[in-house]
């Protein structure tokens, strides 16, 4: 029986956070570009990001978000699972 891959593991989530911190506001578009070209421009955790693309796909990234503190606007790095349509 094959395991269904539904959510990144903790190491992959940390890699996503590191990527977001490195690329700032446009981190998702930068990650989409890296996923499409395979060029992570030396990002040391690229080996953790490519499996996310291969299993969940680029469309998954659209629903993935990192929370921001409403008072400061700073990223709090808590991860929200995407909501599924009911």
Protein backbone atom coordinates (compact mmCIF):
# COMPACT_ATOMS: atom_id res chain seq x y z
CA UNK A 1 0.00 0.00 0.00
CA UNK A 2 1.42 3.37 -1.03
CA UNK A 3 1.55 6.21 1.51
CA UNK A 4 -0.35 9.38 0.56
CA UNK A 5 1.80 12.48 0.86
CA UNK A 6 -0.47 15.25 2.12
CA UNK A 7 1.70 17.64 4.09
CA UNK A 8 5.40 18.51 4.30
CA UNK A 9 7.36 16.93 7.12
CA UNK A 10 8.98 19.14 9.81
CA UNK A 11 12.32 19.36 7.97
CA UNK A 12 10.58 20.44 4.77
CA UNK A 13 8.56 23.05 6.67
CA UNK A 14 11.78 24.45 8.16
CA UNK A 15 13.29 24.60 4.66
CA UNK A 16 10.21 26.50 3.44
CA UNK A 17 10.55 28.94 6.34
CA UNK A 18 14.25 29.46 5.62
CA UNK A 19 13.49 30.05 1.94
CA UNK A 20 10.75 32.56 2.87
CA UNK A 21 13.05 34.41 5.25
CA UNK A 22 15.78 34.57 2.61
CA UNK A 23 13.50 35.78 -0.19
CA UNK A 24 11.10 37.97 1.78
CA UNK A 25 7.81 39.17 0.42
CA UNK A 26 8.13 37.42 -2.95
CA UNK A 27 9.25 34.07 -1.57
CA UNK A 28 6.49 32.07 -3.24
CA UNK A 29 7.19 33.39 -6.73
CA UNK A 30 10.90 32.82 -6.19
CA UNK A 31 10.21 29.26 -5.06
CA UNK A 32 7.94 28.60 -8.04
CA UNK A 33 10.74 29.78 -10.32
CA UNK A 34 13.25 27.50 -8.57
CA UNK A 35 10.83 24.59 -8.84
CA UNK A 36 10.36 25.17 -12.56
CA UNK A 37 14.03 25.64 -13.41
CA UNK A 38 15.69 23.49 -10.75
CA UNK A 39 17.96 26.47 -9.97
CA UNK A 40 17.92 27.19 -6.24
CA UNK A 41 20.86 29.60 -6.54
CA UNK A 42 22.91 27.79 -3.92
CA UNK A 43 20.17 27.39 -1.30
CA UNK A 44 21.60 24.68 0.92
CA UNK A 45 18.28 22.97 1.66
CA UNK A 46 17.17 22.61 -1.96
CA UNK A 47 17.10 18.85 -1.50
CA UNK A 48 14.20 19.34 0.94
CA UNK A 49 12.19 21.65 -1.32
CA UNK A 50 12.19 19.64 -4.53
CA UNK A 51 10.32 16.65 -3.03
CA UNK A 52 7.56 19.03 -1.89
CA UNK A 53 7.16 20.17 -5.49
CA UNK A 54 7.30 16.64 -6.83
CA UNK A 55 4.66 15.30 -4.46
CA UNK A 56 2.33 18.23 -3.75
CA UNK A 57 2.86 20.28 -6.91
CA UNK A 58 3.19 24.01 -7.49
CA UNK A 59 -0.56 24.63 -7.08
CA UNK A 60 -0.28 23.51 -3.43
CA UNK A 61 1.98 26.50 -2.76
CA UNK A 62 -0.87 28.92 -3.51
CA UNK A 63 -2.81 27.74 -0.46
CA UNK A 64 0.19 27.43 1.83
CA UNK A 65 0.76 30.38 4.12
CA UNK A 66 2.84 31.54 7.01
CA UNK A 67 1.00 33.53 9.67
CA UNK A 68 1.83 37.14 10.44
CA UNK A 69 1.43 38.93 13.75
CA UNK A 70 -1.44 41.37 13.16
CA UNK A 71 0.11 44.02 15.41
CA UNK A 72 3.62 44.03 13.95
CA UNK A 73 3.21 42.45 10.53
CA UNK A 74 6.11 40.12 11.28
CA UNK A 75 6.00 36.53 10.17
CA UNK A 76 5.37 34.30 13.16
CA UNK A 77 6.42 31.10 11.36
CA UNK A 78 3.44 29.11 12.43
CA UNK A 79 2.23 27.16 9.48
CA UNK A 80 -1.40 26.87 8.50
CA UNK A 81 -2.59 23.80 6.66
CA UNK A 82 -4.58 24.76 3.58
CA UNK A 83 -8.33 24.61 3.95
CA UNK A 84 -10.05 21.98 1.89
CA UNK A 85 -13.21 22.81 0.02
CA UNK A 86 -16.20 21.19 1.63
